[in-house]
Amino acid sequence: AAFAAARALGLEHVETDAHATADGVAVALHDERLDRTTDATGLVAA
């Protein structure tokens, strides 16, 4: 939703960080943990 909102404003570029889950899925997330920005907890890599 945030990336689409940037596009709706007319921006052509967005920035994201990427982590990998324990089973090798790349996710767009800044923190290495879920705790700050989501309703879940834990280390993404684990």
All heavy atoms as atom14 arrays in JSON, in Angstrom:
{
  "sequence": "AAFAAARALGLEHVETDAHATADGVAVALHDERLDRTTDATGLVAA",
  "atom14_mask": [
    [1, 1, 1, 1, 1, 0, 0, 0, 0, 0, 0, 0, 0, 0],
    [1, 1, 1, 1, 1, 0, 0, 0, 0, 0, 0, 0, 0, 0],
    [1, 1, 1, 1, 1, 1, 1, 1, 1, 1, 1, 0, 0, 0],
    [1, 1, 1, 1, 1, 0, 0, 0, 0, 0, 0, 0, 0, 0],
    [1, 1, 1, 1, 1, 0, 0, 0, 0, 0, 0, 0, 0, 0],
    [1, 1, 1, 1, 1, 0, 0, 0, 0, 0, 0, 0, 0, 0],
    [1, 1, 1, 1, 1, 1, 1, 1, 1, 1, 1, 0, 0, 0],
    [1, 1, 1, 1, 1, 0, 0, 0, 0, 0, 0, 0, 0, 0],
    [1, 1, 1, 1, 1, 1, 1, 1, 0, 0, 0, 0, 0, 0],
    [1, 1, 1, 1, 0, 0, 0, 0, 0, 0, 0, 0, 0, 0],
    [1, 1, 1, 1, 1, 1, 1, 1, 0, 0, 0, 0, 0, 0],
    [1, 1, 1, 1, 1, 1, 1, 1, 1, 0, 0, 0, 0, 0],
    [1, 1, 1, 1, 1, 1, 1, 1, 1, 1, 0, 0, 0, 0],
    [1, 1, 1, 1, 1, 1, 1, 0, 0, 0, 0, 0, 0, 0],
    [1, 1, 1, 1, 1, 1, 1, 1, 1, 0, 0, 0, 0, 0],
    [1, 1, 1, 1, 1, 1, 1, 0, 0, 0, 0, 0, 0, 0],
    [1, 1, 1, 1, 1, 1, 1, 1, 0, 0, 0, 0, 0, 0],
    [1, 1, 1, 1, 1, 0, 0, 0, 0, 0, 0, 0, 0, 0],
    [1, 1, 1, 1, 1, 1, 1, 1, 1, 1, 0, 0, 0, 0],
    [1, 1, 1, 1, 1, 0, 0, 0, 0, 0, 0, 0, 0, 0],
    [1, 1, 1, 1, 1, 1, 1, 0, 0, 0, 0, 0, 0, 0],
    [1, 1, 1, 1, 1, 0, 0, 0, 0, 0, 0, 0, 0, 0],
    [1, 1, 1, 1, 1, 1, 1, 1, 0, 0, 0, 0, 0, 0],
    [1, 1, 1, 1, 0, 0, 0, 0, 0, 0, 0, 0, 0, 0],
    [1, 1, 1, 1, 1, 1, 1, 0, 0, 0, 0, 0, 0, 0],
    [1, 1, 1, 1, 1, 0, 0, 0, 0, 0, 0, 0, 0, 0],
    [1, 1, 1, 1, 1, 1, 1, 0, 0, 0, 0, 0, 0, 0],
    [1, 1, 1, 1, 1, 0, 0, 0, 0, 0, 0, 0, 0, 0],
    [1, 1, 1, 1, 1, 1, 1, 1, 0, 0, 0, 0, 0, 0],
    [1, 1, 1, 1, 1, 1, 1, 1, 1, 1, 0, 0, 0, 0],
    [1, 1, 1, 1, 1, 1, 1, 1, 0, 0, 0, 0, 0, 0],
    [1, 1, 1, 1, 1, 1, 1, 1, 1, 0, 0, 0, 0, 0],
    [1, 1, 1, 1, 1, 1, 1, 1, 1, 1, 1, 0, 0, 0],
    [1, 1, 1, 1, 1, 1, 1, 1, 0, 0, 0, 0, 0, 0],
    [1, 1, 1, 1, 1, 1, 1, 1, 0, 0, 0, 0, 0, 0],
    [1, 1, 1, 1, 1, 1, 1, 1, 1, 1, 1, 0, 0, 0],
    [1, 1, 1, 1, 1, 1, 1, 0, 0, 0, 0, 0, 0, 0],
    [1, 1, 1, 1, 1, 1, 1, 0, 0, 0, 0, 0, 0, 0],
    [1, 1, 1, 1, 1, 1, 1, 1, 0, 0, 0, 0, 0, 0],
    [1, 1, 1, 1, 1, 0, 0, 0, 0, 0, 0, 0, 0, 0],
    [1, 1, 1, 1, 1, 1, 1, 0, 0, 0, 0, 0, 0, 0],
    [1, 1, 1, 1, 0, 0, 0, 0, 0, 0, 0, 0, 0, 0],
    [1, 1, 1, 1, 1, 1, 1, 1, 0, 0, 0, 0, 0, 0],
    [1, 1, 1, 1, 1, 1, 1, 0, 0, 0, 0, 0, 0, 0],
    [1, 1, 1, 1, 1, 0, 0, 0, 0, 0, 0, 0, 0, 0],
    [1, 1, 1, 1, 1, 0, 0, 0, 0, 0, 0, 0, 0, 0]
  ],
  "atom14_positions": [
    [[0.83, -1.21, 0.0], [0.0, 0.0, 0.0], [0.86, 1.26, 0.0], [0.55, 2.24, -0.69], [-0.93, -0.01, 1.2], [0.0, 0.0, 0.0], [0.0, 0.0, 0.0], [0.0, 0.0, 0.0], [0.0, 0.0, 0.0], [0.0, 0.0, 0.0], [0.0, 0.0, 0.0], [0.0, 0.0, 0.0], [0.0, 0.0, 0.0], [0.0, 0.0, 0.0]],
    [[1.96, 1.24, 0.75], [2.85, 2.41, 0.81], [3.57, 2.62, -0.51], [3.74, 3.75, -0.98], [3.85, 2.24, 1.94], [0.0, 0.0, 0.0], [0.0, 0.0, 0.0], [0.0, 0.0, 0.0], [0.0, 0.0, 0.0], [0.0, 0.0, 0.0], [0.0, 0.0, 0.0], [0.0, 0.0, 0.0], [0.0, 0.0, 0.0], [0.0, 0.0, 0.0]],
    [[4.0, 1.53, -1.14], [4.66, 1.66, -2.43], [3.67, 2.14, -3.5], [4.01, 2.99, -4.33], [5.28, 0.33, -2.85], [6.38, -0.14, -1.92], [6.36, -1.42, -1.39], [7.42, 0.7, -1.57], [7.36, -1.85, -0.53], [8.43, 0.29, -0.71], [8.39, -0.99, -0.19], [0.0, 0.0, 0.0], [0.0, 0.0, 0.0], [0.0, 0.0, 0.0]],
    [[2.45, 1.62, -3.46], [1.43, 2.07, -4.41], [1.06, 3.53, -4.18], [0.78, 4.27, -5.14], [0.19, 1.18, -4.3], [0.0, 0.0, 0.0], [0.0, 0.0, 0.0], [0.0, 0.0, 0.0], [0.0, 0.0, 0.0], [0.0, 0.0, 0.0], [0.0, 0.0, 0.0], [0.0, 0.0, 0.0], [0.0, 0.0, 0.0], [0.0, 0.0, 0.0]],
    [[1.07, 3.96, -2.92], [0.75, 5.36, -2.61], [1.81, 6.29, -3.19], [1.5, 7.39, -3.68], [0.63, 5.55, -1.1], [0.0, 0.0, 0.0], [0.0, 0.0, 0.0], [0.0, 0.0, 0.0], [0.0, 0.0, 0.0], [0.0, 0.0, 0.0], [0.0, 0.0, 0.0], [0.0, 0.0, 0.0], [0.0, 0.0, 0.0], [0.0, 0.0, 0.0]],
    [[3.07, 5.88, -3.13], [4.14, 6.68, -3.74], [3.92, 6.8, -5.25], [4.07, 7.87, -5.84], [5.5, 6.07, -3.44], [0.0, 0.0, 0.0], [0.0, 0.0, 0.0], [0.0, 0.0, 0.0], [0.0, 0.0, 0.0], [0.0, 0.0, 0.0], [0.0, 0.0, 0.0], [0.0, 0.0, 0.0], [0.0, 0.0, 0.0], [0.0, 0.0, 0.0]],
    [[3.54, 5.68, -5.86], [3.3, 5.7, -7.3], [2.11, 6.59, -7.63], [2.11, 7.31, -8.63], [3.04, 4.26, -7.8], [3.03, 4.16, -9.31], [4.43, 4.4, -9.85], [4.44, 4.58, -11.32], [4.32, 5.74, -11.94], [4.15, 6.86, -11.24], [4.38, 5.82, -13.24], [0.0, 0.0, 0.0], [0.0, 0.0, 0.0], [0.0, 0.0, 0.0]],
    [[1.08, 6.57, -6.78], [-0.1, 7.39, -7.02], [0.23, 8.88, -6.94], [-0.44, 9.7, -7.58], [-1.19, 7.04, -6.01], [0.0, 0.0, 0.0], [0.0, 0.0, 0.0], [0.0, 0.0, 0.0], [0.0, 0.0, 0.0], [0.0, 0.0, 0.0], [0.0, 0.0, 0.0], [0.0, 0.0, 0.0], [0.0, 0.0, 0.0], [0.0, 0.0, 0.0]],
    [[1.24, 9.23, -6.16], [1.68, 10.62, -6.09], [2.43, 11.06, -7.36], [2.66, 12.24, -7.56], [2.6, 10.83, -4.88], [1.96, 10.9, -3.5], [3.04, 10.92, -2.42], [1.07, 12.14, -3.38], [0.0, 0.0, 0.0], [0.0, 0.0, 0.0], [0.0, 0.0, 0.0], [0.0, 0.0, 0.0], [0.0, 0.0, 0.0], [0.0, 0.0, 0.0]],
    [[2.81, 10.09, -8.17], [3.55, 10.39, -9.39], [5.03, 10.08, -9.3], [5.78, 10.36, -10.24], [0.0, 0.0, 0.0], [0.0, 0.0, 0.0], [0.0, 0.0, 0.0], [0.0, 0.0, 0.0], [0.0, 0.0, 0.0], [0.0, 0.0, 0.0], [0.0, 0.0, 0.0], [0.0, 0.0, 0.0], [0.0, 0.0, 0.0], [0.0, 0.0, 0.0]],
    [[5.48, 9.48, -8.18], [6.88, 9.13, -8.06], [7.19, 7.9, -8.93], [6.35, 7.03, -9.11], [7.26, 8.84, -6.61], [7.68, 10.08, -5.8], [6.47, 10.92, -5.43], [8.47, 9.7, -4.57], [0.0, 0.0, 0.0], [0.0, 0.0, 0.0], [0.0, 0.0, 0.0], [0.0, 0.0, 0.0], [0.0, 0.0, 0.0], [0.0, 0.0, 0.0]],
    [[8.4, 7.87, -9.43], [8.85, 6.74, -10.24], [9.76, 5.8, -9.45], [10.01, 4.67, -9.9], [9.63, 7.27, -11.45], [8.82, 8.17, -12.35], [9.7, 8.89, -13.36], [10.63, 9.62, -12.94], [9.46, 8.72, -14.56], [0.0, 0.0, 0.0], [0.0, 0.0, 0.0], [0.0, 0.0, 0.0], [0.0, 0.0, 0.0], [0.0, 0.0, 0.0]],
    [[10.27, 6.25, -8.32], [11.26, 5.48, -7.55], [10.83, 5.33, -6.1], [10.32, 6.28, -5.49], [12.62, 6.18, -7.57], [13.26, 6.28, -8.92], [12.85, 7.19, -9.87], [14.28, 5.57, -9.47], [13.61, 7.04, -10.95], [14.48, 6.08, -10.73], [0.0, 0.0, 0.0], [0.0, 0.0, 0.0], [0.0, 0.0, 0.0], [0.0, 0.0, 0.0]],
    [[11.07, 4.15, -5.56], [10.89, 3.91, -4.12], [12.15, 3.23, -3.6], [12.95, 2.67, -4.36], [9.66, 3.04, -3.8], [8.38, 3.73, -4.24], [9.79, 1.65, -4.41], [0.0, 0.0, 0.0], [0.0, 0.0, 0.0], [0.0, 0.0, 0.0], [0.0, 0.0, 0.0], [0.0, 0.0, 0.0], [0.0, 0.0, 0.0], [0.0, 0.0, 0.0]],
    [[12.29, 3.27, -2.28], [13.42, 2.62, -1.62], [12.91, 1.58, -0.65], [11.88, 1.79, -0.01], [14.25, 3.67, -0.86], [15.48, 3.15, -0.14], [15.19, 2.59, 1.25], [14.09, 2.87, 1.78], [16.06, 1.89, 1.8], [0.0, 0.0, 0.0], [0.0, 0.0, 0.0], [0.0, 0.0, 0.0], [0.0, 0.0, 0.0], [0.0, 0.0, 0.0]],
    [[13.59, 0.45, -0.59], [13.26, -0.55, 0.41], [14.51, -1.3, 0.82], [15.5, -1.32, 0.1], [12.2, -1.54, -0.09], [11.79, -2.38, 1.01], [12.75, -2.43, -1.2], [0.0, 0.0, 0.0], [0.0, 0.0, 0.0], [0.0, 0.0, 0.0], [0.0, 0.0, 0.0], [0.0, 0.0, 0.0], [0.0, 0.0, 0.0], [0.0, 0.0, 0.0]],
    [[14.44, -1.92, 1.99], [15.47, -2.85, 2.42], [14.96, -4.26, 2.2], [13.75, -4.49, 2.08], [15.77, -2.64, 3.91], [16.17, -1.21, 4.2], [17.36, -0.89, 4.09], [15.28, -0.41, 4.54], [0.0, 0.0, 0.0], [0.0, 0.0, 0.0], [0.0, 0.0, 0.0], [0.0, 0.0, 0.0], [0.0, 0.0, 0.0], [0.0, 0.0, 0.0]],
    [[15.86, -5.21, 2.13], [15.45, -6.59, 1.89], [16.14, -7.53, 2.86], [17.37, -7.5, 3.01], [15.76, -7.01, 0.46], [0.0, 0.0, 0.0], [0.0, 0.0, 0.0], [0.0, 0.0, 0.0], [0.0, 0.0, 0.0], [0.0, 0.0, 0.0], [0.0, 0.0, 0.0], [0.0, 0.0, 0.0], [0.0, 0.0, 0.0], [0.0, 0.0, 0.0]],
    [[15.34, -8.35, 3.53], [15.83, -9.44, 4.38], [15.34, -10.75, 3.78], [14.47, -10.77, 2.9], [15.3, -9.29, 5.81], [15.86, -8.13, 6.54], [17.05, -8.18, 7.23], [15.39, -6.86, 6.71], [17.3, -7.0, 7.79], [16.31, -6.18, 7.48], [0.0, 0.0, 0.0], [0.0, 0.0, 0.0], [0.0, 0.0, 0.0], [0.0, 0.0, 0.0]],
    [[15.88, -11.85, 4.28], [15.43, -13.16, 3.83], [14.89, -13.96, 5.0], [15.44, -13.92, 6.11], [16.58, -13.93, 3.18], [0.0, 0.0, 0.0], [0.0, 0.0, 0.0], [0.0, 0.0, 0.0], [0.0, 0.0, 0.0], [0.0, 0.0, 0.0], [0.0, 0.0, 0.0], [0.0, 0.0, 0.0], [0.0, 0.0, 0.0], [0.0, 0.0, 0.0]],
    [[13.81, -14.68, 4.76], [13.25, -15.56, 5.78], [14.12, -16.81, 5.9], [15.04, -17.04, 5.1], [11.82, -15.99, 5.4], [11.88, -16.74, 4.17], [10.92, -14.77, 5.22], [0.0, 0.0, 0.0], [0.0, 0.0, 0.0], [0.0, 0.0, 0.0], [0.0, 0.0, 0.0], [0.0, 0.0, 0.0], [0.0, 0.0, 0.0], [0.0, 0.0, 0.0]],
    [[13.82, -17.64, 6.89], [14.61, -18.84, 7.12], [14.57, -19.8, 5.95], [15.52, -20.57, 5.73], [14.11, -19.54, 8.4], [0.0, 0.0, 0.0], [0.0, 0.0, 0.0], [0.0, 0.0, 0.0], [0.0, 0.0, 0.0], [0.0, 0.0, 0.0], [0.0, 0.0, 0.0], [0.0, 0.0, 0.0], [0.0, 0.0, 0.0], [0.0, 0.0, 0.0]],
    [[13.47, -19.75, 5.18], [13.37, -20.64, 4.02], [13.64, -19.91, 2.7], [13.22, -20.36, 1.63], [12.01, -21.35, 3.98], [10.83, -20.4, 4.18], [11.06, -19.22, 4.51], [9.68, -20.84, 4.03], [0.0, 0.0, 0.0], [0.0, 0.0, 0.0], [0.0, 0.0, 0.0], [0.0, 0.0, 0.0], [0.0, 0.0, 0.0], [0.0, 0.0, 0.0]],
    [[14.34, -18.78, 2.77], [14.88, -18.16, 1.57], [13.94, -17.32, 0.75], [14.08, -17.25, -0.47], [0.0, 0.0, 0.0], [0.0, 0.0, 0.0], [0.0, 0.0, 0.0], [0.0, 0.0, 0.0], [0.0, 0.0, 0.0], [0.0, 0.0, 0.0], [0.0, 0.0, 0.0], [0.0, 0.0, 0.0], [0.0, 0.0, 0.0], [0.0, 0.0, 0.0]],
    [[13.0, -16.63, 1.4], [12.11, -15.71, 0.7], [12.55, -14.27, 1.0], [12.68, -13.9, 2.17], [10.65, -15.91, 1.13], [9.74, -14.87, 0.47], [10.18, -17.31, 0.78], [0.0, 0.0, 0.0], [0.0, 0.0, 0.0], [0.0, 0.0, 0.0], [0.0, 0.0, 0.0], [0.0, 0.0, 0.0], [0.0, 0.0, 0.0], [0.0, 0.0, 0.0]],
    [[12.81, -13.49, -0.04], [13.19, -12.08, 0.14], [11.97, -11.25, 0.46], [10.97, -11.29, -0.27], [13.87, -11.55, -1.12], [0.0, 0.0, 0.0], [0.0, 0.0, 0.0], [0.0, 0.0, 0.0], [0.0, 0.0, 0.0], [0.0, 0.0, 0.0], [0.0, 0.0, 0.0], [0.0, 0.0, 0.0], [0.0, 0.0, 0.0], [0.0, 0.0, 0.0]],
    [[12.02, -10.5, 1.56], [10.91, -9.65, 1.96], [11.36, -8.2, 2.01], [12.51, -7.9, 2.3], [10.32, -10.08, 3.33], [9.72, -11.46, 3.24], [11.38, -10.03, 4.43], [0.0, 0.0, 0.0], [0.0, 0.0, 0.0], [0.0, 0.0, 0.0], [0.0, 0.0, 0.0], [0.0, 0.0, 0.0], [0.0, 0.0, 0.0], [0.0, 0.0, 0.0]],
    [[10.43, -7.31, 1.71], [10.69, -5.87, 1.75], [10.41, -5.39, 3.17], [9.24, -5.21, 3.55], [9.82, -5.14, 0.74], [0.0, 0.0, 0.0], [0.0, 0.0, 0.0], [0.0, 0.0, 0.0], [0.0, 0.0, 0.0], [0.0, 0.0, 0.0], [0.0, 0.0, 0.0], [0.0, 0.0, 0.0], [0.0, 0.0, 0.0], [0.0, 0.0, 0.0]],
    [[11.45, -5.19, 3.94], [11.31, -4.83, 5.34], [12.61, -4.19, 5.79], [13.69, -4.68, 5.44], [11.01, -6.08, 6.18], [10.53, -5.88, 7.62], [9.09, -5.33, 7.64], [10.6, -7.18, 8.4], [0.0, 0.0, 0.0], [0.0, 0.0, 0.0], [0.0, 0.0, 0.0], [0.0, 0.0, 0.0], [0.0, 0.0, 0.0], [0.0, 0.0, 0.0]],
    [[12.51, -3.11, 6.57], [13.72, -2.44, 7.02], [14.4, -3.18, 8.16], [15.6, -3.48, 8.11], [13.41, -1.01, 7.47], [14.61, -0.32, 8.06], [14.89, -0.32, 9.41], [15.61, 0.38, 7.47], [16.01, 0.34, 9.63], [16.47, 0.77, 8.47], [0.0, 0.0, 0.0], [0.0, 0.0, 0.0], [0.0, 0.0, 0.0], [0.0, 0.0, 0.0]],
    [[13.67, -3.48, 9.21], [14.26, -4.06, 10.41], [14.54, -5.55, 10.22], [13.86, -6.23, 9.47], [13.33, -3.89, 11.61], [13.07, -2.44, 11.95], [13.57, -1.55, 11.23], [12.36, -2.19, 12.94], [0.0, 0.0, 0.0], [0.0, 0.0, 0.0], [0.0, 0.0, 0.0], [0.0, 0.0, 0.0], [0.0, 0.0, 0.0], [0.0, 0.0, 0.0]],
    [[15.52, -6.04, 10.96], [15.77, -7.48, 10.93], [14.74, -8.25, 11.74], [14.6, -9.46, 11.6], [17.18, -7.79, 11.44], [17.41, -7.41, 12.89], [18.81, -7.76, 13.36], [19.65, -8.12, 12.52], [19.06, -7.67, 14.57], [0.0, 0.0, 0.0], [0.0, 0.0, 0.0], [0.0, 0.0, 0.0], [0.0, 0.0, 0.0], [0.0, 0.0, 0.0]],
    [[13.99, -7.54, 12.58], [12.94, -8.15, 13.39], [11.58, -7.6, 12.97], [11.47, -6.49, 12.43], [13.17, -7.88, 14.87], [14.49, -8.42, 15.42], [14.56, -8.23, 16.93], [13.51, -8.99, 17.61], [13.64, -10.25, 18.0], [14.77, -10.91, 17.79], [12.65, -10.88, 18.6], [0.0, 0.0, 0.0], [0.0, 0.0, 0.0], [0.0, 0.0, 0.0]],
    [[10.54, -8.34, 13.29], [9.17, -7.91, 13.0], [8.61, -6.96, 14.05], [7.59, -6.29, 13.82], [8.26, -9.14, 12.92], [8.54, -10.14, 11.79], [7.69, -11.39, 11.98], [8.29, -9.52, 10.43], [0.0, 0.0, 0.0], [0.0, 0.0, 0.0], [0.0, 0.0, 0.0], [0.0, 0.0, 0.0], [0.0, 0.0, 0.0], [0.0, 0.0, 0.0]],
    [[9.26, -6.86, 15.19], [8.68, -6.26, 16.39], [8.22, -4.81, 16.22], [7.14, -4.44, 16.69], [9.67, -6.33, 17.55], [10.14, -7.75, 17.83], [10.53, -8.46, 16.88], [10.13, -8.16, 19.0], [0.0, 0.0, 0.0], [0.0, 0.0, 0.0], [0.0, 0.0, 0.0], [0.0, 0.0, 0.0], [0.0, 0.0, 0.0], [0.0, 0.0, 0.0]],
    [[9.03, -3.96, 15.6], [8.73, -2.52, 15.59], [7.57, -2.16, 14.67], [6.72, -1.35, 15.04], [9.97, -1.72, 15.17], [9.73, -0.2, 15.13], [10.98, 0.55, 14.7], [11.35, 0.27, 13.33], [10.86, 0.92, 12.28], [9.97, 1.89, 12.44], [11.26, 0.6, 11.05], [0.0, 0.0, 0.0], [0.0, 0.0, 0.0], [0.0, 0.0, 0.0]],
    [[7.53, -2.75, 13.5], [6.57, -2.28, 12.49], [5.35, -3.18, 12.31], [4.42, -2.8, 11.61], [7.26, -2.11, 11.12], [7.79, -3.37, 10.71], [8.37, -1.09, 11.19], [0.0, 0.0, 0.0], [0.0, 0.0, 0.0], [0.0, 0.0, 0.0], [0.0, 0.0, 0.0], [0.0, 0.0, 0.0], [0.0, 0.0, 0.0], [0.0, 0.0, 0.0]],
    [[5.36, -4.38, 12.92], [4.24, -5.28, 12.73], [3.64, -5.72, 14.06], [4.18, -5.41, 15.13], [4.65, -6.55, 11.94], [5.29, -7.48, 12.82], [5.6, -6.21, 10.8], [0.0, 0.0, 0.0], [0.0, 0.0, 0.0], [0.0, 0.0, 0.0], [0.0, 0.0, 0.0], [0.0, 0.0, 0.0], [0.0, 0.0, 0.0], [0.0, 0.0, 0.0]],
    [[2.56, -6.47, 13.97], [1.92, -6.98, 15.18], [2.5, -8.32, 15.62], [1.97, -8.98, 16.52], [0.41, -7.12, 14.97], [0.06, -8.02, 13.78], [0.99, -8.61, 13.17], [-1.13, -8.12, 13.45], [0.0, 0.0, 0.0], [0.0, 0.0, 0.0], [0.0, 0.0, 0.0], [0.0, 0.0, 0.0], [0.0, 0.0, 0.0], [0.0, 0.0, 0.0]],
    [[3.59, -8.74, 14.98], [4.25, -9.99, 15.32], [5.63, -9.71, 15.91], [6.07, -8.55, 15.97], [4.38, -10.87, 14.08], [0.0, 0.0, 0.0], [0.0, 0.0, 0.0], [0.0, 0.0, 0.0], [0.0, 0.0, 0.0], [0.0, 0.0, 0.0], [0.0, 0.0, 0.0], [0.0, 0.0, 0.0], [0.0, 0.0, 0.0], [0.0, 0.0, 0.0]],
    [[6.3, -10.74, 16.35], [7.64, -10.61, 16.91], [8.55, -11.66, 16.29], [8.1, -12.65, 15.72], [7.64, -10.8, 18.44], [7.16, -12.12, 18.75], [6.76, -9.76, 19.12], [0.0, 0.0, 0.0], [0.0, 0.0, 0.0], [0.0, 0.0, 0.0], [0.0, 0.0, 0.0], [0.0, 0.0, 0.0], [0.0, 0.0, 0.0], [0.0, 0.0, 0.0]],
    [[9.85, -11.42, 16.41], [10.82, -12.41, 15.98], [11.75, -11.93, 14.89], [11.49, -10.95, 14.19], [0.0, 0.0, 0.0], [0.0, 0.0, 0.0], [0.0, 0.0, 0.0], [0.0, 0.0, 0.0], [0.0, 0.0, 0.0], [0.0, 0.0, 0.0], [0.0, 0.0, 0.0], [0.0, 0.0, 0.0], [0.0, 0.0, 0.0], [0.0, 0.0, 0.0]],
    [[12.87, -12.63, 14.8], [13.89, -12.35, 13.8], [13.45, -12.94, 12.46], [13.18, -14.14, 12.37], [15.22, -12.96, 14.26], [16.49, -12.6, 13.52], [16.85, -11.13, 13.74], [17.63, -13.51, 13.98], [0.0, 0.0, 0.0], [0.0, 0.0, 0.0], [0.0, 0.0, 0.0], [0.0, 0.0, 0.0], [0.0, 0.0, 0.0], [0.0, 0.0, 0.0]],
    [[13.41, -12.1, 11.43], [12.94, -12.57, 10.13], [13.76, -13.76, 9.64], [13.22, -14.75, 9.14], [12.99, -11.42, 9.1], [12.7, -11.94, 7.69], [12.02, -10.32, 9.47], [0.0, 0.0, 0.0], [0.0, 0.0, 0.0], [0.0, 0.0, 0.0], [0.0, 0.0, 0.0], [0.0, 0.0, 0.0], [0.0, 0.0, 0.0], [0.0, 0.0, 0.0]],
    [[15.07, -13.69, 9.82], [15.94, -14.75, 9.33], [15.72, -16.08, 10.04], [16.14, -17.12, 9.53], [17.41, -14.33, 9.47], [0.0, 0.0, 0.0], [0.0, 0.0, 0.0], [0.0, 0.0, 0.0], [0.0, 0.0, 0.0], [0.0, 0.0, 0.0], [0.0, 0.0, 0.0], [0.0, 0.0, 0.0], [0.0, 0.0, 0.0], [0.0, 0.0, 0.0]],
    [[15.06, -16.05, 11.19], [14.82, -17.28, 11.94], [13.42, -17.83, 11.73], [13.08, -18.88, 12.29], [15.05, -17.0, 13.44], [0.0, 0.0, 0.0], [0.0, 0.0, 0.0], [0.0, 0.0, 0.0], [0.0, 0.0, 0.0], [0.0, 0.0, 0.0], [0.0, 0.0, 0.0], [0.0, 0.0, 0.0], [0.0, 0.0, 0.0], [0.0, 0.0, 0.0]]
  ]
}
